[in-house]
N, C-alpha and C. Protein backbone atom coordinates (compact mmCIF):
# COMPACT_ATOMS: atom_id res chain seq x y z
N MET A 1 88.12 148.27 103.96
CA MET A 1 88.15 146.83 103.87
C MET A 1 88.93 146.43 102.61
N PRO A 2 89.90 145.49 102.74
CA PRO A 2 90.71 145.12 101.59
C PRO A 2 89.90 144.38 100.54
N ARG A 3 90.34 144.58 99.32
CA ARG A 3 89.66 143.92 98.22
C ARG A 3 90.05 142.45 98.16
N LYS A 4 89.28 141.71 97.36
CA LYS A 4 89.51 140.28 97.25
C LYS A 4 90.89 139.97 96.67
N GLY A 5 91.34 140.78 95.72
CA GLY A 5 92.65 140.58 95.12
C GLY A 5 93.78 140.76 96.12
N HIS A 6 93.62 141.74 97.01
CA HIS A 6 94.65 141.97 98.04
C HIS A 6 94.70 140.81 99.02
N LYS A 7 93.54 140.26 99.37
CA LYS A 7 93.51 139.12 100.28
C LYS A 7 94.21 137.92 99.63
N THR A 8 93.93 137.70 98.36
CA THR A 8 94.54 136.58 97.66
C THR A 8 96.06 136.76 97.59
N ALA A 9 96.50 137.97 97.29
CA ALA A 9 97.94 138.23 97.20
C ALA A 9 98.61 138.02 98.55
N SER A 10 97.97 138.46 99.63
CA SER A 10 98.59 138.29 100.95
C SER A 10 98.65 136.82 101.33
N ARG A 11 97.63 136.03 100.97
CA ARG A 11 97.67 134.60 101.24
C ARG A 11 98.80 133.93 100.47
N GLN A 12 98.96 134.30 99.21
CA GLN A 12 100.03 133.71 98.41
C GLN A 12 101.40 134.09 98.96
N ALA A 13 101.54 135.32 99.44
CA ALA A 13 102.81 135.75 100.03
C ALA A 13 103.11 134.94 101.29
N GLN A 14 102.08 134.70 102.10
CA GLN A 14 102.28 133.90 103.30
C GLN A 14 102.70 132.47 102.95
N LEU A 15 102.09 131.90 101.92
CA LEU A 15 102.45 130.55 101.50
C LEU A 15 103.90 130.49 101.02
N GLN A 16 104.32 131.52 100.28
CA GLN A 16 105.71 131.54 99.80
C GLN A 16 106.68 131.65 100.96
N LYS A 17 106.33 132.45 101.96
CA LYS A 17 107.20 132.56 103.15
C LYS A 17 107.31 131.22 103.86
N ARG A 18 106.19 130.51 103.98
CA ARG A 18 106.21 129.20 104.63
C ARG A 18 107.09 128.23 103.85
N ARG A 19 106.98 128.28 102.53
CA ARG A 19 107.80 127.38 101.71
C ARG A 19 109.28 127.69 101.88
N LYS A 20 109.62 128.98 101.93
CA LYS A 20 111.02 129.35 102.08
C LYS A 20 111.56 128.93 103.44
N HIS A 21 110.74 129.06 104.47
CA HIS A 21 111.19 128.69 105.82
C HIS A 21 111.28 127.18 105.99
N SER A 22 110.45 126.45 105.30
CA SER A 22 110.44 125.00 105.49
C SER A 22 111.15 124.28 104.34
N GLU A 23 112.17 124.90 103.77
CA GLU A 23 112.93 124.24 102.72
C GLU A 23 113.59 123.00 103.28
N SER A 24 113.65 121.98 102.46
CA SER A 24 114.24 120.73 102.93
C SER A 24 115.73 120.92 103.15
N ARG A 25 116.17 120.31 104.20
CA ARG A 25 117.60 120.39 104.52
C ARG A 25 118.36 119.36 103.70
N ALA A 26 119.64 119.58 103.58
CA ALA A 26 120.47 118.66 102.82
C ALA A 26 120.49 117.31 103.52
N GLN A 27 120.32 116.25 102.75
CA GLN A 27 120.33 114.93 103.33
C GLN A 27 121.75 114.49 103.59
N GLU A 28 121.92 113.81 104.71
CA GLU A 28 123.24 113.31 105.06
C GLU A 28 123.23 111.80 104.83
N PHE A 29 124.19 111.34 104.05
CA PHE A 29 124.27 109.93 103.75
C PHE A 29 125.48 109.34 104.44
N ASP A 30 125.28 108.16 105.01
CA ASP A 30 126.37 107.43 105.63
C ASP A 30 127.00 106.54 104.57
N ALA A 31 128.22 106.88 104.19
CA ALA A 31 128.87 106.14 103.11
C ALA A 31 129.36 104.78 103.58
N GLY A 32 129.41 104.56 104.86
CA GLY A 32 129.88 103.27 105.38
C GLY A 32 131.40 103.27 105.48
N PRO A 33 131.94 102.15 105.85
CA PRO A 33 133.39 102.09 106.01
C PRO A 33 134.10 102.12 104.66
N SER A 34 135.25 102.77 104.66
CA SER A 34 136.04 102.82 103.43
C SER A 34 136.80 101.51 103.28
N GLU A 35 137.38 101.32 102.13
CA GLU A 35 138.13 100.08 101.89
C GLU A 35 139.32 99.98 102.84
N ALA A 36 139.93 101.12 103.16
CA ALA A 36 141.07 101.11 104.09
C ALA A 36 140.62 100.65 105.47
N ASP A 37 139.43 101.11 105.91
CA ASP A 37 138.91 100.67 107.21
C ASP A 37 138.63 99.17 107.22
N ILE A 38 138.09 98.66 106.13
CA ILE A 38 137.78 97.24 106.04
C ILE A 38 139.06 96.42 106.09
N VAL A 39 140.07 96.86 105.33
CA VAL A 39 141.34 96.14 105.31
C VAL A 39 141.99 96.18 106.68
N ALA A 40 141.94 97.34 107.35
CA ALA A 40 142.53 97.46 108.68
C ALA A 40 141.82 96.54 109.67
N ARG A 41 140.50 96.47 109.58
CA ARG A 41 139.74 95.61 110.48
C ARG A 41 140.07 94.14 110.21
N GLN A 42 140.21 93.78 108.94
CA GLN A 42 140.53 92.40 108.61
C GLN A 42 141.93 92.04 109.08
N ASP A 43 142.87 92.98 108.95
CA ASP A 43 144.23 92.74 109.43
C ASP A 43 144.25 92.55 110.94
N ALA A 44 143.46 93.35 111.65
CA ALA A 44 143.40 93.21 113.11
C ALA A 44 142.81 91.86 113.49
N LEU A 45 141.79 91.42 112.78
CA LEU A 45 141.19 90.11 113.07
C LEU A 45 142.14 88.98 112.70
N ALA A 46 142.92 89.16 111.63
CA ALA A 46 143.88 88.15 111.22
C ALA A 46 144.99 88.00 112.27
N GLU A 47 145.38 89.12 112.89
CA GLU A 47 146.41 89.06 113.94
C GLU A 47 145.90 88.32 115.16
N GLN A 48 144.58 88.41 115.40
CA GLN A 48 144.01 87.72 116.55
C GLN A 48 143.75 86.25 116.25
N GLY A 49 143.97 85.85 115.02
CA GLY A 49 143.78 84.45 114.65
C GLY A 49 142.46 84.20 113.96
N LEU A 50 141.68 85.23 113.73
CA LEU A 50 140.41 85.08 113.03
C LEU A 50 140.58 85.58 111.61
N ASP A 51 140.64 84.67 110.66
CA ASP A 51 140.82 85.05 109.26
C ASP A 51 139.45 85.19 108.61
N THR A 52 139.09 86.43 108.24
CA THR A 52 137.77 86.69 107.66
C THR A 52 137.84 86.92 106.16
N ARG A 53 139.01 86.88 105.58
CA ARG A 53 139.13 87.13 104.14
C ARG A 53 138.66 85.92 103.36
N PRO A 54 137.89 86.15 102.31
CA PRO A 54 137.49 85.02 101.47
C PRO A 54 138.66 84.56 100.61
N SER A 55 138.46 83.45 99.92
CA SER A 55 139.55 82.90 99.12
C SER A 55 139.89 83.80 97.93
N GLY A 56 138.93 84.59 97.45
CA GLY A 56 139.18 85.49 96.32
C GLY A 56 139.76 86.81 96.78
N ASP A 57 139.88 87.75 95.84
CA ASP A 57 140.43 89.06 96.17
C ASP A 57 139.36 90.04 96.63
N ALA A 58 138.09 89.69 96.52
CA ALA A 58 137.01 90.61 96.86
C ALA A 58 136.97 90.86 98.36
N LEU A 59 136.70 92.08 98.72
CA LEU A 59 136.59 92.43 100.13
C LEU A 59 135.15 92.20 100.59
N PRO A 60 134.97 91.57 101.76
CA PRO A 60 133.61 91.34 102.23
C PRO A 60 133.01 92.63 102.78
N THR A 61 131.73 92.76 102.63
CA THR A 61 131.02 93.92 103.19
C THR A 61 129.84 93.42 104.01
N PRO A 62 130.10 92.89 105.22
CA PRO A 62 129.01 92.35 106.01
C PRO A 62 128.03 93.42 106.48
N ALA A 63 128.50 94.66 106.63
CA ALA A 63 127.62 95.72 107.09
C ALA A 63 126.62 96.12 106.01
N LEU A 64 126.99 95.96 104.76
CA LEU A 64 126.10 96.37 103.68
C LEU A 64 125.06 95.31 103.34
N ALA A 65 125.38 94.05 103.56
CA ALA A 65 124.47 92.98 103.17
C ALA A 65 123.10 93.08 103.86
N PRO A 66 123.02 93.27 105.19
CA PRO A 66 121.70 93.38 105.81
C PRO A 66 120.95 94.62 105.34
N ARG A 67 121.66 95.70 105.10
CA ARG A 67 121.01 96.92 104.64
C ARG A 67 120.36 96.69 103.28
N LEU A 68 121.08 96.03 102.38
CA LEU A 68 120.54 95.78 101.05
C LEU A 68 119.35 94.84 101.11
N ARG A 69 119.41 93.83 101.99
CA ARG A 69 118.28 92.92 102.11
C ARG A 69 117.06 93.65 102.63
N ASN A 70 117.25 94.53 103.61
CA ASN A 70 116.12 95.27 104.17
C ASN A 70 115.51 96.20 103.13
N ARG A 71 116.34 96.85 102.34
CA ARG A 71 115.82 97.76 101.32
C ARG A 71 115.05 96.99 100.25
N ALA A 72 115.56 95.83 99.88
CA ALA A 72 114.90 95.05 98.84
C ALA A 72 113.54 94.57 99.31
N SER A 73 113.44 94.14 100.55
CA SER A 73 112.15 93.65 101.03
C SER A 73 111.19 94.81 101.28
N ALA A 74 111.70 95.97 101.68
CA ALA A 74 110.84 97.11 101.95
C ALA A 74 110.35 97.75 100.66
N SER A 75 111.16 97.70 99.60
CA SER A 75 110.76 98.34 98.36
C SER A 75 110.11 97.38 97.38
N ALA A 76 109.73 96.19 97.85
CA ALA A 76 109.05 95.24 96.96
C ALA A 76 107.71 95.83 96.53
N ALA A 77 107.36 95.56 95.29
CA ALA A 77 106.13 96.11 94.75
C ALA A 77 104.93 95.53 95.48
N PRO A 78 103.99 96.37 95.89
CA PRO A 78 102.80 95.85 96.57
C PRO A 78 101.92 95.07 95.61
N ILE A 79 101.19 94.13 96.15
CA ILE A 79 100.32 93.28 95.34
C ILE A 79 98.90 93.78 95.47
N TYR A 80 98.26 94.03 94.34
CA TYR A 80 96.87 94.49 94.32
C TYR A 80 96.03 93.43 93.63
N PRO A 81 95.33 92.59 94.37
CA PRO A 81 94.57 91.51 93.74
C PRO A 81 93.33 92.00 93.00
N SER A 82 92.87 93.21 93.26
CA SER A 82 91.63 93.67 92.65
C SER A 82 91.86 94.38 91.32
N ILE A 83 93.08 94.50 90.86
CA ILE A 83 93.34 95.25 89.63
C ILE A 83 92.90 94.47 88.39
N ARG A 84 93.20 93.18 88.32
CA ARG A 84 92.87 92.40 87.14
C ARG A 84 91.35 92.39 86.88
N PRO A 85 90.49 92.12 87.88
CA PRO A 85 89.04 92.16 87.61
C PRO A 85 88.57 93.55 87.18
N GLU A 86 89.14 94.59 87.77
CA GLU A 86 88.75 95.95 87.38
C GLU A 86 89.12 96.24 85.94
N LEU A 87 90.32 95.86 85.54
CA LEU A 87 90.74 96.07 84.15
C LEU A 87 89.89 95.25 83.18
N THR A 88 89.49 94.06 83.61
CA THR A 88 88.61 93.24 82.77
C THR A 88 87.27 93.94 82.57
N ARG A 89 86.71 94.47 83.65
CA ARG A 89 85.43 95.19 83.55
C ARG A 89 85.56 96.41 82.63
N ILE A 90 86.64 97.13 82.80
CA ILE A 90 86.85 98.32 81.96
C ILE A 90 86.95 97.91 80.49
N GLY A 91 87.69 96.84 80.21
CA GLY A 91 87.83 96.36 78.83
C GLY A 91 86.50 95.92 78.24
N VAL A 92 85.70 95.21 79.04
CA VAL A 92 84.39 94.76 78.55
C VAL A 92 83.49 95.95 78.25
N LEU A 93 83.44 96.91 79.16
CA LEU A 93 82.62 98.10 78.92
C LEU A 93 83.10 98.89 77.71
N ALA A 94 84.42 99.03 77.55
CA ALA A 94 84.94 99.74 76.38
C ALA A 94 84.58 99.00 75.09
N GLY A 95 84.65 97.67 75.11
CA GLY A 95 84.28 96.88 73.95
C GLY A 95 82.80 97.04 73.60
N ILE A 96 81.95 97.01 74.64
CA ILE A 96 80.51 97.18 74.41
C ILE A 96 80.24 98.56 73.82
N MET A 97 80.88 99.58 74.35
CA MET A 97 80.69 100.95 73.82
C MET A 97 81.16 101.04 72.38
N GLY A 98 82.27 100.39 72.06
CA GLY A 98 82.77 100.39 70.69
C GLY A 98 81.80 99.73 69.73
N VAL A 99 81.23 98.60 70.16
CA VAL A 99 80.25 97.90 69.32
C VAL A 99 79.01 98.77 69.11
N ILE A 100 78.55 99.40 70.19
CA ILE A 100 77.37 100.28 70.08
C ILE A 100 77.65 101.43 69.12
N LEU A 101 78.82 102.05 69.23
CA LEU A 101 79.17 103.14 68.32
C LEU A 101 79.25 102.67 66.88
N ALA A 102 79.78 101.50 66.65
CA ALA A 102 79.87 100.97 65.28
C ALA A 102 78.48 100.72 64.72
N ILE A 103 77.60 100.14 65.53
CA ILE A 103 76.23 99.87 65.07
C ILE A 103 75.51 101.18 64.78
N LEU A 104 75.64 102.16 65.66
CA LEU A 104 74.99 103.46 65.45
C LEU A 104 75.53 104.16 64.20
N THR A 105 76.81 104.01 63.96
CA THR A 105 77.41 104.62 62.78
C THR A 105 76.81 104.03 61.50
N VAL A 106 76.61 102.72 61.51
CA VAL A 106 76.05 102.05 60.33
C VAL A 106 74.59 102.46 60.13
N PHE A 107 73.81 102.48 61.21
CA PHE A 107 72.37 102.75 61.08
C PHE A 107 72.07 104.23 60.87
N LEU A 108 72.90 105.14 61.33
CA LEU A 108 72.60 106.56 61.24
C LEU A 108 73.16 107.22 59.99
N ARG A 109 73.68 106.46 59.07
CA ARG A 109 74.20 107.04 57.83
C ARG A 109 73.14 107.44 56.92
């Protein structure tokens, strides 16, 4: 019958094998259209009579705007209404303990 140390070592070896097999794959990011693609699309629309260029020199990125809005709303900080009362209680208890310690320090000298 194997000893406890051997069992532990075999379990750790199995865990390491699982970690190696389940390594995260490289993430693929969609960079979106390049500036050349945007300019080509705008030129094609301009030829059709639809002028999408703004008055300035900046290139519009309509595909990125909804993505950014979705990320901003999804990553908004959650609201926890119960944190302030909890912190108040903790502060009050810490203050009471501090006062008790100060009084005990004075009386036990």
